[in-house]
Amino acid sequence: MQGFRRRASLLVPTVILAAALVGCSSAEPAVEEPEPTWHSDYEAPPPVSIAPLTGVAVEGSGAGGPSLAAKIDNHPAARPQIGLAQTDIVFEELVEGGLTRYVAVWQSHLPPVIGPVRSIRPMDPDIISPLGGMVAYSGGQERFVAMMKQAPVYNAIHGQSDTASTFYRASDRRAPHNVLVKAPELVAQHAELPPPAQYFAFAADAASSTAAKEGTPTAGIALVFGSLGAPSWTWDAAASVWTRSMTGGAPDTDETGAPLTAKNVVVVRVPVTVSQDIPKTESIGSGEAWVSSGGATVHATWHKGSATEPIRLIDDHGVTVRLAPGNTWVELVPTAGSATFTAP
């Protein structure tokens, strides 16, 4: 009996432990607390792209539509021109009689109407080819029109069937200075054309442009193209733009009476050849240049290797010149002419 009691006493703790384990296995599982939800009020900014001809940041991920270049009249009877204040780039060139004309280029903004447009000249294919897109003009000598048609741009010519709905003659202007173009309608007809490649190098802002950082302060720019072509520019510090004056010093204005202005004035000295009394600006090659931005001017060298290449601007240290974001006037001043820069 004593042996049995000893064995029984040994079993008691085991039985109690088993009962305790059974009791633990029947306990309710712990309830997990839900993680707190978190909401952000951050809104992603709209995508931004850089306008290829002005260097200005614009909303949207695309570079916009094709460029529209036009041969704009600068005869006294053609003034004030329409749409020049909205241009991205204007190239001023010498034509017959000592006058100048413009190759005006729009891409960032398209005014409802541009003009008056005039005939094409032999230098225009070299100027317009790097831009692609289209060119609008009133016609011209057959040899020059043939040259323009060989360039990689769409030729929109007054009097042709494809421009019947976009070109017209204004009744309040005298021919031949009255051919106007409905710019948005013309571009919409050729919306499949790609946007232009970036033309100039641009700084982030005017203060960071090469001329503003490293150039000589400049109050005015006086140019001589020929006997009847002597425009000038004056720095307007309050508006941070160059303001243009016509030959003789009168303010150059658009159709609304507002002065024509530019963020950048690029003076390119070019040789001019003459064939059958028609001057041709030779823009393929290299030569001396000045770039004026932010109220100052820096000396540079220009280079253009072929008709389809843009004009490249290199400073005296061999570094690419960066322009201020905004519109640019390129003054293709003949080497026989002159460019004078005055200090403040």
C-alpha atoms as a PDB file:
ATOM      1  CA  MET A   1       0.000   0.000   0.000  1.00  0.00           C
ATOM      2  CA  GLN A   2       2.788   2.399   0.813  1.00  0.00           C
ATOM      3  CA  GLY A   3       4.328   1.808  -2.603  1.00  0.00           C
ATOM      4  CA  PHE A   4       1.016   2.576  -4.264  1.00  0.00           C
ATOM      5  CA  ARG A   5       0.665   5.845  -2.268  1.00  0.00           C
ATOM      6  CA  ARG A   6       4.115   6.927  -3.384  1.00  0.00           C
ATOM      7  CA  ARG A   7       3.277   6.349  -7.058  1.00  0.00           C
ATOM      8  CA  ALA A   8      -0.049   8.168  -6.680  1.00  0.00           C
ATOM      9  CA  SER A   9       1.640  11.178  -5.103  1.00  0.00           C
ATOM     10  CA  LEU A  10       3.985  11.395  -8.033  1.00  0.00           C
ATOM     11  CA  LEU A  11       1.049  11.595 -10.476  1.00  0.00           C
ATOM     12  CA  VAL A  12      -0.697  14.530  -8.797  1.00  0.00           C
ATOM     13  CA  PRO A  13       1.575  17.394 -10.096  1.00  0.00           C
ATOM     14  CA  THR A  14       1.418  15.970 -13.580  1.00  0.00           C
ATOM     15  CA  VAL A  15      -2.367  15.931 -13.564  1.00  0.00           C
ATOM     16  CA  ILE A  16      -2.478  19.535 -12.266  1.00  0.00           C
ATOM     17  CA  LEU A  17      -0.026  20.722 -14.966  1.00  0.00           C
ATOM     18  CA  ALA A  18      -2.069  19.044 -17.699  1.00  0.00           C
ATOM     19  CA  ALA A  19      -5.220  20.713 -16.402  1.00  0.00           C
ATOM     20  CA  ALA A  20      -3.477  24.063 -16.436  1.00  0.00           C
ATOM     21  CA  LEU A  21      -2.386  23.544 -20.030  1.00  0.00           C
ATOM     22  CA  VAL A  22      -5.912  22.612 -21.039  1.00  0.00           C
ATOM     23  CA  GLY A  23      -7.185  25.817 -19.432  1.00  0.00           C
ATOM     24  CA  CYS A  24      -4.638  27.969 -21.343  1.00  0.00           C
ATOM     25  CA  SER A  25      -5.550  26.469 -24.710  1.00  0.00           C
ATOM     26  CA  SER A  26      -9.172  27.518 -24.285  1.00  0.00           C
ATOM     27  CA  ALA A  27      -8.362  31.285 -23.702  1.00  0.00           C
ATOM     28  CA  GLU A  28      -9.754  33.910 -26.182  1.00  0.00           C
ATOM     29  CA  PRO A  29      -7.179  35.080 -28.845  1.00  0.00           C
ATOM     30  CA  ALA A  30      -5.842  38.663 -28.491  1.00  0.00           C
ATOM     31  CA  VAL A  31      -7.658  41.230 -30.671  1.00  0.00           C
ATOM     32  CA  GLU A  32      -5.345  43.202 -32.977  1.00  0.00           C
ATOM     33  CA  GLU A  33      -5.944  46.953 -33.137  1.00  0.00           C
ATOM     34  CA  PRO A  34      -6.387  48.274 -36.760  1.00  0.00           C
ATOM     35  CA  GLU A  35      -3.582  50.469 -38.013  1.00  0.00           C
ATOM     36  CA  PRO A  36      -4.592  54.140 -38.365  1.00  0.00           C
ATOM     37  CA  THR A  37      -5.303  55.279 -41.913  1.00  0.00           C
ATOM     38  CA  TRP A  38      -3.189  58.145 -43.355  1.00  0.00           C
ATOM     39  CA  HIS A  39      -4.238  60.581 -46.036  1.00  0.00           C
ATOM     40  CA  SER A  40      -1.921  62.974 -47.908  1.00  0.00           C
ATOM     41  CA  ASP A  41      -3.116  66.301 -49.223  1.00  0.00           C
ATOM     42  CA  TYR A  42      -0.088  66.575 -51.594  1.00  0.00           C
ATOM     43  CA  GLU A  43      -0.999  67.434 -55.168  1.00  0.00           C
ATOM     44  CA  ALA A  44       1.544  66.719 -57.883  1.00  0.00           C
ATOM     45  CA  PRO A  45       2.370  69.841 -59.896  1.00  0.00           C
ATOM     46  CA  PRO A  46       1.465  69.833 -63.593  1.00  0.00           C
ATOM     47  CA  PRO A  47       4.220  68.662 -65.957  1.00  0.00           C
ATOM     48  CA  VAL A  48       6.475  71.382 -67.333  1.00  0.00           C
ATOM     49  CA  SER A  49       8.317  71.567 -70.645  1.00  0.00           C
ATOM     50  CA  ILE A  50      10.673  74.156 -72.112  1.00  0.00           C
ATOM     51  CA  ALA A  51       9.530  76.088 -75.180  1.00  0.00           C
ATOM     52  CA  PRO A  52      12.166  75.245 -77.826  1.00  0.00           C
ATOM     53  CA  LEU A  53      12.499  78.742 -79.305  1.00  0.00           C
ATOM     54  CA  THR A  54      12.267  80.855 -76.135  1.00  0.00           C
ATOM     55  CA  GLY A  55      13.552  78.682 -73.278  1.00  0.00           C
ATOM     56  CA  VAL A  56      10.477  79.592 -71.225  1.00  0.00           C
ATOM     57  CA  ALA A  57       8.992  76.916 -68.961  1.00  0.00           C
ATOM     58  CA  VAL A  58       5.395  76.143 -69.925  1.00  0.00           C
ATOM     59  CA  GLU A  59       2.833  73.787 -68.453  1.00  0.00           C
ATOM     60  CA  GLY A  60       2.440  70.498 -70.296  1.00  0.00           C
ATOM     61  CA  SER A  61       4.718  67.627 -71.216  1.00  0.00           C
ATOM     62  CA  GLY A  62       4.861  68.377 -74.934  1.00  0.00           C
ATOM     63  CA  ALA A  63       6.832  70.964 -76.872  1.00  0.00           C
ATOM     64  CA  GLY A  64       3.782  72.372 -78.641  1.00  0.00           C
ATOM     65  CA  GLY A  65       3.025  72.439 -82.324  1.00  0.00           C
ATOM     66  CA  PRO A  66       5.151  73.212 -85.381  1.00  0.00           C
ATOM     67  CA  SER A  67       6.730  76.583 -85.923  1.00  0.00           C
ATOM     68  CA  LEU A  68       5.381  79.084 -88.416  1.00  0.00           C
ATOM     69  CA  ALA A  69       7.920  81.313 -90.137  1.00  0.00           C
ATOM     70  CA  ALA A  70       6.750  84.163 -92.352  1.00  0.00           C
ATOM     71  CA  LYS A  71       8.468  86.689 -94.600  1.00  0.00           C
ATOM     72  CA  ILE A  72       7.228  89.947 -93.074  1.00  0.00           C
ATOM     73  CA  ASP A  73       7.309  93.245 -94.928  1.00  0.00           C
ATOM     74  CA  ASN A  74       9.197  96.184 -93.356  1.00  0.00           C
ATOM     75  CA  HIS A  75       8.447  98.861 -95.923  1.00  0.00           C
ATOM     76  CA  PRO A  76       7.042 102.075 -94.377  1.00  0.00           C
ATOM     77  CA  ALA A  77       3.710 101.347 -96.104  1.00  0.00           C
ATOM     78  CA  ALA A  78       3.565  97.967 -94.330  1.00  0.00           C
ATOM     79  CA  ARG A  79       3.752  99.392 -90.806  1.00  0.00           C
ATOM     80  CA  PRO A  80       2.532  98.704 -88.273  1.00  0.00           C
ATOM     81  CA  GLN A  81       2.993  95.010 -88.848  1.00  0.00           C
ATOM     82  CA  ILE A  82       0.551  92.560 -87.313  1.00  0.00           C
ATOM     83  CA  GLY A  83       1.612  89.883 -84.831  1.00  0.00           C
ATOM     84  CA  LEU A  84       5.284  90.827 -84.427  1.00  0.00           C
ATOM     85  CA  ALA A  85       4.896  91.319 -80.670  1.00  0.00           C
ATOM     86  CA  GLN A  86       4.041  87.616 -80.236  1.00  0.00           C
ATOM     87  CA  THR A  87       7.064  86.212 -82.093  1.00  0.00           C
ATOM     88  CA  ASP A  88       9.556  83.784 -80.582  1.00  0.00           C
ATOM     89  CA  ILE A  89      12.386  84.801 -82.946  1.00  0.00           C
ATOM     90  CA  VAL A  90      12.753  87.515 -85.581  1.00  0.00           C
ATOM     91  CA  PHE A  91      15.622  87.529 -88.093  1.00  0.00           C
ATOM     92  CA  GLU A  92      16.208  90.942 -89.697  1.00  0.00           C
ATOM     93  CA  GLU A  93      17.984  90.908 -93.072  1.00  0.00           C
ATOM     94  CA  LEU A  94      19.060  93.361 -95.756  1.00  0.00           C
ATOM     95  CA  VAL A  95      17.052  93.449 -99.001  1.00  0.00           C
ATOM     96  CA  GLU A  96      17.179  95.668-102.087  1.00  0.00           C
ATOM     97  CA  GLY A  97      17.234  99.417-101.798  1.00  0.00           C
ATOM     98  CA  GLY A  98      18.920  99.450 -98.395  1.00  0.00           C
ATOM     99  CA  LEU A  99      15.704  98.326 -96.660  1.00  0.00           C
ATOM    100  CA  THR A 100      15.302  95.366 -94.326  1.00  0.00           C
ATOM    101  CA  ARG A 101      12.719  92.593 -94.063  1.00  0.00           C
ATOM    102  CA  TYR A 102      11.970  90.039 -91.394  1.00  0.00           C
ATOM    103  CA  VAL A 103      11.809  86.297 -91.122  1.00  0.00           C
ATOM    104  CA  ALA A 104       9.442  86.192 -88.152  1.00  0.00           C
ATOM    105  CA  VAL A 105       8.869  82.918 -86.295  1.00  0.00           C
ATOM    106  CA  TRP A 106       5.957  81.917 -84.055  1.00  0.00           C
ATOM    107  CA  GLN A 107       5.595  78.745 -82.012  1.00  0.00           C
ATOM    108  CA  SER A 108       4.821  79.558 -78.364  1.00  0.00           C
ATOM    109  CA  HIS A 109       1.956  81.931 -79.190  1.00  0.00           C
ATOM    110  CA  LEU A 110      -0.041  82.241 -82.383  1.00  0.00           C
ATOM    111  CA  PRO A 111      -1.778  85.580 -82.935  1.00  0.00           C
ATOM    112  CA  PRO A 112      -5.036  85.433 -84.906  1.00  0.00           C
ATOM    113  CA  VAL A 113      -3.480  87.219 -87.894  1.00  0.00           C
ATOM    114  CA  ILE A 114       0.102  87.894 -89.048  1.00  0.00           C
ATOM    115  CA  GLY A 115       1.505  90.037 -91.819  1.00  0.00           C
ATOM    116  CA  PRO A 116       1.854  91.665 -94.198  1.00  0.00           C
ATOM    117  CA  VAL A 117       3.780  88.837 -95.874  1.00  0.00           C
ATOM    118  CA  ARG A 118       6.034  89.481 -98.845  1.00  0.00           C
ATOM    119  CA  SER A 119       8.176  87.522-101.278  1.00  0.00           C
ATOM    120  CA  ILE A 120      10.955  85.086-100.456  1.00  0.00           C
ATOM    121  CA  ARG A 121      14.675  85.907-100.847  1.00  0.00           C
ATOM    122  CA  PRO A 122      17.755  83.706-101.501  1.00  0.00           C
ATOM    123  CA  MET A 123      18.967  83.720 -97.865  1.00  0.00           C
ATOM    124  CA  ASP A 124      15.652  82.580 -96.415  1.00  0.00           C
ATOM    125  CA  PRO A 125      16.039  78.791 -96.944  1.00  0.00           C
ATOM    126  CA  ASP A 126      19.246  78.831 -94.869  1.00  0.00           C
ATOM    127  CA  ILE A 127      17.551  80.826 -92.106  1.00  0.00           C
ATOM    128  CA  ILE A 128      14.309  78.824 -91.975  1.00  0.00           C
ATOM    129  CA  SER A 129      15.512  75.233 -92.572  1.00  0.00           C
ATOM    130  CA  PRO A 130      16.661  74.549 -88.963  1.00  0.00           C
ATOM    131  CA  LEU A 131      13.159  75.393 -87.721  1.00  0.00           C
ATOM    132  CA  GLY A 132      11.197  72.888 -89.825  1.00  0.00           C
ATOM    133  CA  GLY A 133       7.478  73.514 -89.644  1.00  0.00           C
ATOM    134  CA  MET A 134       6.160  75.823 -92.345  1.00  0.00           C
ATOM    135  CA  VAL A 135       6.896  79.123 -94.035  1.00  0.00           C
ATOM    136  CA  ALA A 136       4.330  81.642 -95.282  1.00  0.00           C
ATOM    137  CA  TYR A 137       5.111  84.132 -98.053  1.00  0.00           C
ATOM    138  CA  SER A 138       3.534  85.882-101.006  1.00  0.00           C
ATOM    139  CA  GLY A 139       5.654  84.338-103.771  1.00  0.00           C
ATOM    140  CA  GLY A 140       8.869  85.589-105.339  1.00  0.00           C
ATOM    141  CA  GLN A 141      11.231  85.061-108.225  1.00  0.00           C
ATOM    142  CA  GLU A 142      10.939  81.524-109.558  1.00  0.00           C
ATOM    143  CA  ARG A 143      14.562  80.690-108.717  1.00  0.00           C
ATOM    144  CA  PHE A 144      14.108  81.740-105.087  1.00  0.00           C
ATOM    145  CA  VAL A 145      10.774  79.959-104.700  1.00  0.00           C
ATOM    146  CA  ALA A 146      12.410  76.781-106.075  1.00  0.00           C
ATOM    147  CA  MET A 147      15.173  77.100-103.464  1.00  0.00           C
ATOM    148  CA  MET A 148      12.639  77.543-100.678  1.00  0.00           C
ATOM    149  CA  LYS A 149      10.636  74.526-101.818  1.00  0.00           C
ATOM    150  CA  GLN A 150      13.752  72.363-101.558  1.00  0.00           C
ATOM    151  CA  ALA A 151      14.088  73.180 -97.861  1.00  0.00           C
ATOM    152  CA  PRO A 152      12.634  70.736 -95.267  1.00  0.00           C
ATOM    153  CA  VAL A 153       9.621  72.956 -94.501  1.00  0.00           C
ATOM    154  CA  TYR A 154       6.060  73.235 -95.795  1.00  0.00           C
ATOM    155  CA  ASN A 155       5.705  76.140 -98.232  1.00  0.00           C
ATOM    156  CA  ALA A 156       2.441  78.085 -97.798  1.00  0.00           C
ATOM    157  CA  ILE A 157       2.303  80.561-100.686  1.00  0.00           C
ATOM    158  CA  HIS A 158      -0.306  83.207-101.371  1.00  0.00           C
ATOM    159  CA  GLY A 159      -2.431  82.499-104.428  1.00  0.00           C
ATOM    160  CA  GLN A 160      -2.195  78.699-104.220  1.00  0.00           C
ATOM    161  CA  SER A 161      -5.194  76.417-103.710  1.00  0.00           C
ATOM    162  CA  ASP A 162      -3.962  75.190-100.311  1.00  0.00           C
ATOM    163  CA  THR A 163      -3.856  78.741 -98.899  1.00  0.00           C
ATOM    164  CA  ALA A 164      -7.157  80.027-100.297  1.00  0.00           C
ATOM    165  CA  SER A 165      -8.801  79.873 -96.861  1.00  0.00           C
ATOM    166  CA  THR A 166      -5.874  81.212 -94.826  1.00  0.00           C
ATOM    167  CA  PHE A 167      -4.370  84.055 -96.920  1.00  0.00           C
ATOM    168  CA  TYR A 168      -6.275  87.203 -97.821  1.00  0.00           C
ATOM    169  CA  ARG A 169      -5.776  90.845 -98.774  1.00  0.00           C
ATOM    170  CA  ALA A 170      -6.766  93.450 -96.198  1.00  0.00           C
ATOM    171  CA  SER A 171      -9.015  96.178 -97.562  1.00  0.00           C
ATOM    172  CA  ASP A 172      -7.535  98.871 -95.311  1.00  0.00           C
ATOM    173  CA  ARG A 173      -3.985  98.456 -96.638  1.00  0.00           C
ATOM    174  CA  ARG A 174      -2.484  99.191-100.017  1.00  0.00           C
ATOM    175  CA  ALA A 175      -1.135  96.394-102.257  1.00  0.00           C
ATOM    176  CA  PRO A 176       1.398  94.838-102.236  1.00  0.00           C
ATOM    177  CA  HIS A 177       1.642  95.525 -98.505  1.00  0.00           C
ATOM    178  CA  ASN A 178      -1.688  93.961 -97.575  1.00  0.00           C
ATOM    179  CA  VAL A 179      -1.392  90.139 -97.702  1.00  0.00           C
ATOM    180  CA  LEU A 180      -2.325  88.777 -94.265  1.00  0.00           C
ATOM    181  CA  VAL A 181      -2.414  85.219 -92.909  1.00  0.00           C
ATOM    182  CA  LYS A 182      -4.812  83.522 -90.478  1.00  0.00           C
ATOM    183  CA  ALA A 183      -2.039  81.924 -88.437  1.00  0.00           C
ATOM    184  CA  PRO A 184      -3.962  79.464 -86.192  1.00  0.00           C
ATOM    185  CA  GLU A 185      -5.957  78.121 -89.148  1.00  0.00           C
ATOM    186  CA  LEU A 186      -2.812  77.636 -91.225  1.00  0.00           C
ATOM    187  CA  VAL A 187      -0.987  75.801 -88.437  1.00  0.00           C
ATOM    188  CA  ALA A 188      -4.048  73.629 -87.705  1.00  0.00           C
ATOM    189  CA  GLN A 189      -4.013  72.431 -91.318  1.00  0.00           C
ATOM    190  CA  HIS A 190      -0.485  71.094 -90.765  1.00  0.00           C
ATOM    191  CA  ALA A 191      -0.652  69.993 -87.134  1.00  0.00           C
ATOM    192  CA  GLU A 192       1.076  66.716 -88.025  1.00  0.00           C
ATOM    193  CA  LEU A 193       4.371  68.562 -88.489  1.00  0.00           C
ATOM    194  CA  PRO A 194       6.738  68.139 -85.519  1.00  0.00           C
ATOM    195  CA  PRO A 195       7.735  70.987 -83.202  1.00  0.00           C
ATOM    196  CA  PRO A 196      11.124  72.600 -83.800  1.00  0.00           C
ATOM    197  CA  ALA A 197      14.281  71.536 -82.040  1.00  0.00           C
ATOM    198  CA  GLN A 198      15.716  73.889 -79.441  1.00  0.00           C
ATOM    199  CA  TYR A 199      17.428  76.728 -81.297  1.00  0.00           C
ATOM    200  CA  PHE A 200      19.513  78.649 -78.727  1.00  0.00           C
ATOM    201  CA  ALA A 201      20.997  77.709 -75.367  1.00  0.00           C
ATOM    202  CA  PHE A 202      19.076  79.375 -72.541  1.00  0.00           C
ATOM    203  CA  ALA A 203      19.835  80.207 -68.927  1.00  0.00           C
ATOM    204  CA  ALA A 204      17.329  79.545 -66.143  1.00  0.00           C
ATOM    205  CA  ASP A 205      16.531  83.259 -65.888  1.00  0.00           C
ATOM    206  CA  ALA A 206      17.694  86.624 -67.204  1.00  0.00           C
ATOM    207  CA  ALA A 207      20.119  87.206 -64.323  1.00  0.00           C
ATOM    208  CA  SER A 208      21.855  83.919 -65.133  1.00  0.00           C
ATOM    209  CA  SER A 209      22.299  84.673 -68.851  1.00  0.00           C
ATOM    210  CA  THR A 210      25.859  84.939 -70.118  1.00  0.00           C
ATOM    211  CA  ALA A 211      25.574  88.623 -71.001  1.00  0.00           C
ATOM    212  CA  ALA A 212      24.029  89.609 -67.663  1.00  0.00           C
ATOM    213  CA  LYS A 213      26.708  87.745 -65.702  1.00  0.00           C
ATOM    214  CA  GLU A 214      29.806  88.448 -67.769  1.00  0.00           C
ATOM    215  CA  GLY A 215      28.942  91.233 -70.229  1.00  0.00           C
ATOM    216  CA  THR A 216      29.405  94.987 -70.349  1.00  0.00           C
ATOM    217  CA  PRO A 217      26.458  97.142 -69.195  1.00  0.00           C
ATOM    218  CA  THR A 218      24.717  98.522 -72.277  1.00  0.00           C
ATOM    219  CA  ALA A 219      22.158 101.298 -72.638  1.00  0.00           C
ATOM    220  CA  GLY A 220      21.613 101.183 -76.401  1.00  0.00           C
ATOM    221  CA  ILE A 221      22.388  99.360 -79.647  1.00  0.00           C
ATOM    222  CA  ALA A 222      22.541 101.232 -82.968  1.00  0.00           C
ATOM    223  CA  LEU A 223      22.607  99.224 -86.210  1.00  0.00           C
ATOM    224  CA  VAL A 224      23.180 100.102 -89.850  1.00  0.00           C
ATOM    225  CA  PHE A 225      22.085  97.588 -92.508  1.00  0.00           C
ATOM    226  CA  GLY A 226      21.895  99.976 -95.451  1.00  0.00           C
ATOM    227  CA  SER A 227      20.871 103.445 -96.505  1.00  0.00           C
ATOM    228  CA  LEU A 228      17.262 102.956 -95.329  1.00  0.00           C
ATOM    229  CA  GLY A 229      17.831 100.348 -92.633  1.00  0.00           C
ATOM    230  CA  ALA A 230      19.155 101.761 -89.356  1.00  0.00           C
ATOM    231  CA  PRO A 231      17.105 100.436 -86.418  1.00  0.00           C
ATOM    232  CA  SER A 232      18.133 100.723 -82.776  1.00  0.00           C
ATOM    233  CA  TRP A 233      17.424  99.188 -79.367  1.00  0.00           C
ATOM    234  CA  THR A 234      17.258 100.815 -75.927  1.00  0.00           C
ATOM    235  CA  TRP A 235      17.446  98.980 -72.609  1.00  0.00           C
ATOM    236  CA  ASP A 236      14.335  99.460 -70.473  1.00  0.00           C
ATOM    237  CA  ALA A 237      15.489  98.459 -66.993  1.00  0.00           C
ATOM    238  CA  ALA A 238      12.032  98.836 -65.430  1.00  0.00           C
ATOM    239  CA  ALA A 239      10.487  96.345 -67.873  1.00  0.00           C
ATOM    240  CA  SER A 240      13.685  94.289 -68.258  1.00  0.00           C
ATOM    241  CA  VAL A 241      13.438  94.333 -72.078  1.00  0.00           C
ATOM    242  CA  TRP A 242      15.101  95.920 -75.092  1.00  0.00           C
ATOM    243  CA  THR A 243      12.767  98.379 -76.842  1.00  0.00           C
ATOM    244  CA  ARG A 244      13.037  98.844 -80.598  1.00  0.00           C
ATOM    245  CA  SER A 245      13.096 102.053 -82.644  1.00  0.00           C
ATOM    246  CA  MET A 246      12.786 102.381 -86.414  1.00  0.00           C
ATOM    247  CA  THR A 247      15.189 104.127 -88.753  1.00  0.00           C
ATOM    248  CA  GLY A 248      15.052 107.776 -87.723  1.00  0.00           C
ATOM    249  CA  GLY A 249      14.445 107.004 -84.049  1.00  0.00           C
ATOM    250  CA  ALA A 250      10.640 106.758 -83.903  1.00  0.00           C
ATOM    251  CA  PRO A 251       9.321 103.965 -81.657  1.00  0.00           C
ATOM    252  CA  ASP A 252       8.647 100.722 -83.553  1.00  0.00           C
ATOM    253  CA  THR A 253       5.194  99.467 -82.549  1.00  0.00           C
ATOM    254  CA  ASP A 254       2.792  96.663 -83.351  1.00  0.00           C
ATOM    255  CA  GLU A 255      -0.761  97.062 -84.614  1.00  0.00           C
ATOM    256  CA  THR A 256      -2.016  97.854 -81.098  1.00  0.00           C
ATOM    257  CA  GLY A 257       0.471 100.706 -80.622  1.00  0.00           C
ATOM    258  CA  ALA A 258       2.551  98.746 -78.097  1.00  0.00           C
ATOM    259  CA  PRO A 259       6.339  98.977 -78.572  1.00  0.00           C
ATOM    260  CA  LEU A 260       8.188  96.025 -80.047  1.00  0.00           C
ATOM    261  CA  THR A 261      10.502  94.550 -77.421  1.00  0.00           C
ATOM    262  CA  ALA A 262      12.956  91.683 -77.024  1.00  0.00           C
ATOM    263  CA  LYS A 263      14.526  89.834 -74.130  1.00  0.00           C
ATOM    264  CA  ASN A 264      17.604  89.166 -76.275  1.00  0.00           C
ATOM    265  CA  VAL A 265      19.190  91.041 -79.168  1.00  0.00           C
ATOM    266  CA  VAL A 266      21.748  88.965 -81.075  1.00  0.00           C
ATOM    267  CA  VAL A 267      23.878  90.904 -83.558  1.00  0.00           C
ATOM    268  CA  VAL A 268      25.514  88.668 -86.156  1.00  0.00           C
ATOM    269  CA  ARG A 269      27.949  90.242 -88.620  1.00  0.00           C
ATOM    270  CA  VAL A 270      27.541  88.567 -92.005  1.00  0.00           C
ATOM    271  CA  PRO A 271      28.952  88.967 -95.507  1.00  0.00           C
ATOM    272  CA  VAL A 272      26.439  89.917 -98.186  1.00  0.00           C
ATOM    273  CA  THR A 273      26.738  88.861-101.823  1.00  0.00           C
ATOM    274  CA  VAL A 274      24.718  90.346-104.681  1.00  0.00           C
ATOM    275  CA  SER A 275      23.242  88.479-107.655  1.00  0.00           C
ATOM    276  CA  GLN A 276      21.219  90.384-110.265  1.00  0.00           C
ATOM    277  CA  ASP A 277      20.766  93.291-107.842  1.00  0.00           C
ATOM    278  CA  ILE A 278      19.409  90.974-105.111  1.00  0.00           C
ATOM    279  CA  PRO A 279      21.508  90.935-101.908  1.00  0.00           C
ATOM    280  CA  LYS A 280      21.966  87.616-100.137  1.00  0.00           C
ATOM    281  CA  THR A 281      22.919  87.364 -96.488  1.00  0.00           C
ATOM    282  CA  GLU A 282      25.495  84.554 -96.200  1.00  0.00           C
ATOM    283  CA  SER A 283      24.595  82.880 -92.922  1.00  0.00           C
ATOM    284  CA  ILE A 284      26.532  79.624 -93.406  1.00  0.00           C
ATOM    285  CA  GLY A 285      30.010  80.021 -91.989  1.00  0.00           C
ATOM    286  CA  SER A 286      31.227  81.950 -88.950  1.00  0.00           C
ATOM    287  CA  GLY A 287      31.984  85.445 -87.818  1.00  0.00           C
ATOM    288  CA  GLU A 288      31.742  88.052 -85.110  1.00  0.00           C
ATOM    289  CA  ALA A 289      28.669  88.425 -82.908  1.00  0.00           C
ATOM    290  CA  TRP A 290      27.387  90.246 -79.831  1.00  0.00           C
ATOM    291  CA  VAL A 291      24.667  88.981 -77.514  1.00  0.00           C
ATOM    292  CA  SER A 292      22.701  91.455 -75.398  1.00  0.00           C
ATOM    293  CA  SER A 293      20.571  90.209 -72.496  1.00  0.00           C
ATOM    294  CA  GLY A 294      19.627  91.677 -69.131  1.00  0.00           C
ATOM    295  CA  GLY A 295      20.997  95.143 -69.915  1.00  0.00           C
ATOM    296  CA  ALA A 296      24.495  93.964 -70.841  1.00  0.00           C
ATOM    297  CA  THR A 297      26.376  92.728 -73.903  1.00  0.00           C
ATOM    298  CA  VAL A 298      28.935  89.962 -74.375  1.00  0.00           C
ATOM    299  CA  HIS A 299      31.191  89.506 -77.397  1.00  0.00           C
ATOM    300  CA  ALA A 300      30.924  86.157 -79.187  1.00  0.00           C
ATOM    301  CA  THR A 301      31.575  84.183 -82.357  1.00  0.00           C
ATOM    302  CA  TRP A 302      28.745  82.703 -84.435  1.00  0.00           C
ATOM    303  CA  HIS A 303      28.938  79.380 -86.291  1.00  0.00           C
ATOM    304  CA  LYS A 304      26.529  77.741 -88.754  1.00  0.00           C
ATOM    305  CA  GLY A 305      27.812  74.678 -90.566  1.00  0.00           C
ATOM    306  CA  SER A 306      24.954  73.959 -92.977  1.00  0.00           C
ATOM    307  CA  ALA A 307      21.504  75.106 -94.047  1.00  0.00           C
ATOM    308  CA  THR A 308      19.784  72.824 -91.534  1.00  0.00           C
ATOM    309  CA  GLU A 309      21.954  73.809 -88.543  1.00  0.00           C
ATOM    310  CA  PRO A 310      20.996  76.676 -86.222  1.00  0.00           C
ATOM    311  CA  ILE A 311      23.320  79.556 -85.448  1.00  0.00           C
ATOM    312  CA  ARG A 312      25.602  78.631 -82.530  1.00  0.00           C
ATOM    313  CA  LEU A 313      27.004  81.339 -80.266  1.00  0.00           C
ATOM    314  CA  ILE A 314      30.345  80.857 -78.460  1.00  0.00           C
ATOM    315  CA  ASP A 315      31.882  83.426 -76.103  1.00  0.00           C
ATOM    316  CA  ASP A 316      35.524  84.481 -76.081  1.00  0.00           C
ATOM    317  CA  HIS A 317      36.330  81.713 -73.574  1.00  0.00           C
ATOM    318  CA  GLY A 318      35.004  79.021 -75.894  1.00  0.00           C
ATOM    319  CA  VAL A 319      31.823  78.501 -73.861  1.00  0.00           C
ATOM    320  CA  THR A 320      28.296  78.387 -75.283  1.00  0.00           C
ATOM    321  CA  VAL A 321      26.440  81.663 -74.756  1.00  0.00           C
ATOM    322  CA  ARG A 322      23.208  81.262 -72.816  1.00  0.00           C
ATOM    323  CA  LEU A 323      20.386  83.667 -73.556  1.00  0.00           C
ATOM    324  CA  ALA A 324      17.708  84.939 -71.195  1.00  0.00           C
ATOM    325  CA  PRO A 325      14.410  83.054 -71.462  1.00  0.00           C
ATOM    326  CA  GLY A 326      12.101  84.943 -73.792  1.00  0.00           C
ATOM    327  CA  ASN A 327      11.933  86.220 -77.347  1.00  0.00           C
ATOM    328  CA  THR A 328      14.981  87.038 -79.463  1.00  0.00           C
ATOM    329  CA  TRP A 329      15.708  89.360 -82.377  1.00  0.00           C
ATOM    330  CA  VAL A 330      18.619  88.228 -84.545  1.00  0.00           C
ATOM    331  CA  GLU A 331      20.118  91.178 -86.410  1.00  0.00           C
ATOM    332  CA  LEU A 332      21.969  89.902 -89.504  1.00  0.00           C
ATOM    333  CA  VAL A 333      24.036  93.050 -89.944  1.00  0.00           C
ATOM    334  CA  PRO A 334      26.230  93.165 -93.077  1.00  0.00           C
ATOM    335  CA  THR A 335      29.964  93.468 -92.502  1.00  0.00           C
ATOM    336  CA  ALA A 336      29.715  96.631 -94.628  1.00  0.00           C
ATOM    337  CA  GLY A 337      27.259  98.029 -92.074  1.00  0.00           C
ATOM    338  CA  SER A 338      27.876  98.735 -88.415  1.00  0.00           C
ATOM    339  CA  ALA A 339      26.852  97.898 -84.844  1.00  0.00           C
ATOM    340  CA  THR A 340      27.460 100.368 -82.020  1.00  0.00           C
ATOM    341  CA  PHE A 341      26.890  99.662 -78.323  1.00  0.00           C
ATOM    342  CA  THR A 342      26.587 102.557 -75.887  1.00  0.00           C
ATOM    343  CA  ALA A 343      27.248 102.421 -72.150  1.00  0.00           C
ATOM    344  CA  PRO A 344      24.706 103.642 -69.560  1.00  0.00           C
END
